[in-house]
């Protein structure tokens, strides 16, 4: 629902192409620890809040931050994720 109004056709295509693969791959499940779920929820909440506030650039920034931090967490040892520069 979020990808369609975003207007980002490339991102929508990537999500559609990967969606079924991610669902069926345990490797992409991430860490099941409660703390990781809390952090993920916060990231999604920030995106939602920017969308509700009609702030497209803020929503894009929140999504970028959420995706890059999630990527780093999945690829690193336990600990705080490092933010990437955009």
C-alpha atoms as a PDB file:
ATOM      1  CA  UNK A   1       0.000   0.000   0.000  1.00  0.00           C
ATOM      2  CA  UNK A   2       2.861   2.376   0.682  1.00  0.00           C
ATOM      3  CA  UNK A   3       4.892   1.503  -2.407  1.00  0.00           C
ATOM      4  CA  UNK A   4       2.123   2.302  -4.907  1.00  0.00           C
ATOM      5  CA  UNK A   5       1.585   5.987  -4.024  1.00  0.00           C
ATOM      6  CA  UNK A   6       5.331   6.467  -3.568  1.00  0.00           C
ATOM      7  CA  UNK A   7       5.681   6.735  -7.335  1.00  0.00           C
ATOM      8  CA  UNK A   8       8.947   4.812  -7.142  1.00  0.00           C
ATOM      9  CA  UNK A   9       8.388   2.217  -9.855  1.00  0.00           C
ATOM     10  CA  UNK A  10      11.863   0.718  -9.514  1.00  0.00           C
ATOM     11  CA  UNK A  11      11.461   0.117  -5.783  1.00  0.00           C
ATOM     12  CA  UNK A  12       7.980  -1.325  -6.324  1.00  0.00           C
ATOM     13  CA  UNK A  13       9.375  -3.692  -8.934  1.00  0.00           C
ATOM     14  CA  UNK A  14      12.188  -4.808  -6.648  1.00  0.00           C
ATOM     15  CA  UNK A  15       9.779  -5.422  -3.761  1.00  0.00           C
ATOM     16  CA  UNK A  16       7.432  -7.433  -5.968  1.00  0.00           C
ATOM     17  CA  UNK A  17      10.296  -9.494  -7.382  1.00  0.00           C
ATOM     18  CA  UNK A  18      11.754 -10.304  -3.979  1.00  0.00           C
ATOM     19  CA  UNK A  19       8.592 -10.634  -1.916  1.00  0.00           C
ATOM     20  CA  UNK A  20       7.918 -14.325  -2.544  1.00  0.00           C
ATOM     21  CA  UNK A  21      11.580 -15.196  -2.152  1.00  0.00           C
ATOM     22  CA  UNK A  22      11.868 -13.452   1.213  1.00  0.00           C
ATOM     23  CA  UNK A  23       8.768 -15.156   2.574  1.00  0.00           C
ATOM     24  CA  UNK A  24      10.186 -18.565   1.674  1.00  0.00           C
ATOM     25  CA  UNK A  25      13.763 -17.991   2.839  1.00  0.00           C
ATOM     26  CA  UNK A  26      14.700 -18.466   6.493  1.00  0.00           C
ATOM     27  CA  UNK A  27      17.967 -16.679   5.842  1.00  0.00           C
ATOM     28  CA  UNK A  28      16.083 -13.393   5.385  1.00  0.00           C
ATOM     29  CA  UNK A  29      14.020 -13.714   8.549  1.00  0.00           C
ATOM     30  CA  UNK A  30      16.430 -11.572  10.529  1.00  0.00           C
ATOM     31  CA  UNK A  31      17.142 -11.889  14.200  1.00  0.00           C
ATOM     32  CA  UNK A  32      14.106 -12.945  16.222  1.00  0.00           C
ATOM     33  CA  UNK A  33      15.198 -11.191  19.435  1.00  0.00           C
ATOM     34  CA  UNK A  34      12.589  -8.917  20.990  1.00  0.00           C
ATOM     35  CA  UNK A  35      14.951  -5.918  20.847  1.00  0.00           C
ATOM     36  CA  UNK A  36      15.262  -6.298  17.074  1.00  0.00           C
ATOM     37  CA  UNK A  37      11.469  -6.342  16.727  1.00  0.00           C
ATOM     38  CA  UNK A  38      11.209  -3.170  18.820  1.00  0.00           C
ATOM     39  CA  UNK A  39      13.802  -1.398  16.664  1.00  0.00           C
ATOM     40  CA  UNK A  40      12.071  -2.541  13.470  1.00  0.00           C
ATOM     41  CA  UNK A  41       8.709  -1.345  14.758  1.00  0.00           C
ATOM     42  CA  UNK A  42      10.191   2.082  15.570  1.00  0.00           C
ATOM     43  CA  UNK A  43      11.514   2.376  12.023  1.00  0.00           C
ATOM     44  CA  UNK A  44       8.147   1.483  10.519  1.00  0.00           C
ATOM     45  CA  UNK A  45       6.423   3.890  12.910  1.00  0.00           C
ATOM     46  CA  UNK A  46       8.673   6.776  11.769  1.00  0.00           C
ATOM     47  CA  UNK A  47       7.776   6.083   8.146  1.00  0.00           C
ATOM     48  CA  UNK A  48       4.069   5.955   9.019  1.00  0.00           C
ATOM     49  CA  UNK A  49       4.242   9.220  10.978  1.00  0.00           C
ATOM     50  CA  UNK A  50       5.879  11.051   8.048  1.00  0.00           C
ATOM     51  CA  UNK A  51       3.262   9.688   5.625  1.00  0.00           C
ATOM     52  CA  UNK A  52       0.409  10.769   7.901  1.00  0.00           C
ATOM     53  CA  UNK A  53       2.053  14.202   8.200  1.00  0.00           C
ATOM     54  CA  UNK A  54       2.086  14.443   4.360  1.00  0.00           C
ATOM     55  CA  UNK A  55       5.877  14.759   4.441  1.00  0.00           C
ATOM     56  CA  UNK A  56       7.181  12.838   1.399  1.00  0.00           C
ATOM     57  CA  UNK A  57      10.831  13.771   1.896  1.00  0.00           C
ATOM     58  CA  UNK A  58      10.637  12.904   5.584  1.00  0.00           C
ATOM     59  CA  UNK A  59       9.000   9.568   4.739  1.00  0.00           C
ATOM     60  CA  UNK A  60      11.688   8.837   2.161  1.00  0.00           C
ATOM     61  CA  UNK A  61      14.425   9.651   4.664  1.00  0.00           C
ATOM     62  CA  UNK A  62      12.764   7.523   7.364  1.00  0.00           C
ATOM     63  CA  UNK A  63      12.458   4.601   4.935  1.00  0.00           C
ATOM     64  CA  UNK A  64      16.070   4.957   3.801  1.00  0.00           C
ATOM     65  CA  UNK A  65      17.242   4.958   7.409  1.00  0.00           C
ATOM     66  CA  UNK A  66      15.076   1.975   8.304  1.00  0.00           C
ATOM     67  CA  UNK A  67      16.233  -0.120   5.340  1.00  0.00           C
ATOM     68  CA  UNK A  68      19.937   0.658   5.700  1.00  0.00           C
ATOM     69  CA  UNK A  69      19.975   0.098   9.449  1.00  0.00           C
ATOM     70  CA  UNK A  70      18.063  -3.188   9.048  1.00  0.00           C
ATOM     71  CA  UNK A  71      20.566  -4.277   6.409  1.00  0.00           C
ATOM     72  CA  UNK A  72      23.500  -3.496   8.686  1.00  0.00           C
ATOM     73  CA  UNK A  73      21.940  -5.253  11.674  1.00  0.00           C
ATOM     74  CA  UNK A  74      21.373  -8.413   9.634  1.00  0.00           C
ATOM     75  CA  UNK A  75      24.927  -8.332   8.333  1.00  0.00           C
ATOM     76  CA  UNK A  76      26.771  -7.474  11.557  1.00  0.00           C
ATOM     77  CA  UNK A  77      27.407  -8.764  15.022  1.00  0.00           C
ATOM     78  CA  UNK A  78      24.937  -7.865  17.777  1.00  0.00           C
ATOM     79  CA  UNK A  79      25.031  -4.208  18.761  1.00  0.00           C
ATOM     80  CA  UNK A  80      23.764  -0.846  17.659  1.00  0.00           C
ATOM     81  CA  UNK A  81      23.541  -0.407  13.904  1.00  0.00           C
ATOM     82  CA  UNK A  82      25.725   2.153  12.253  1.00  0.00           C
ATOM     83  CA  UNK A  83      23.892   4.742  10.148  1.00  0.00           C
ATOM     84  CA  UNK A  84      24.856   5.104   6.511  1.00  0.00           C
ATOM     85  CA  UNK A  85      25.341   8.458   4.864  1.00  0.00           C
ATOM     86  CA  UNK A  86      22.864   9.127   2.109  1.00  0.00           C
END
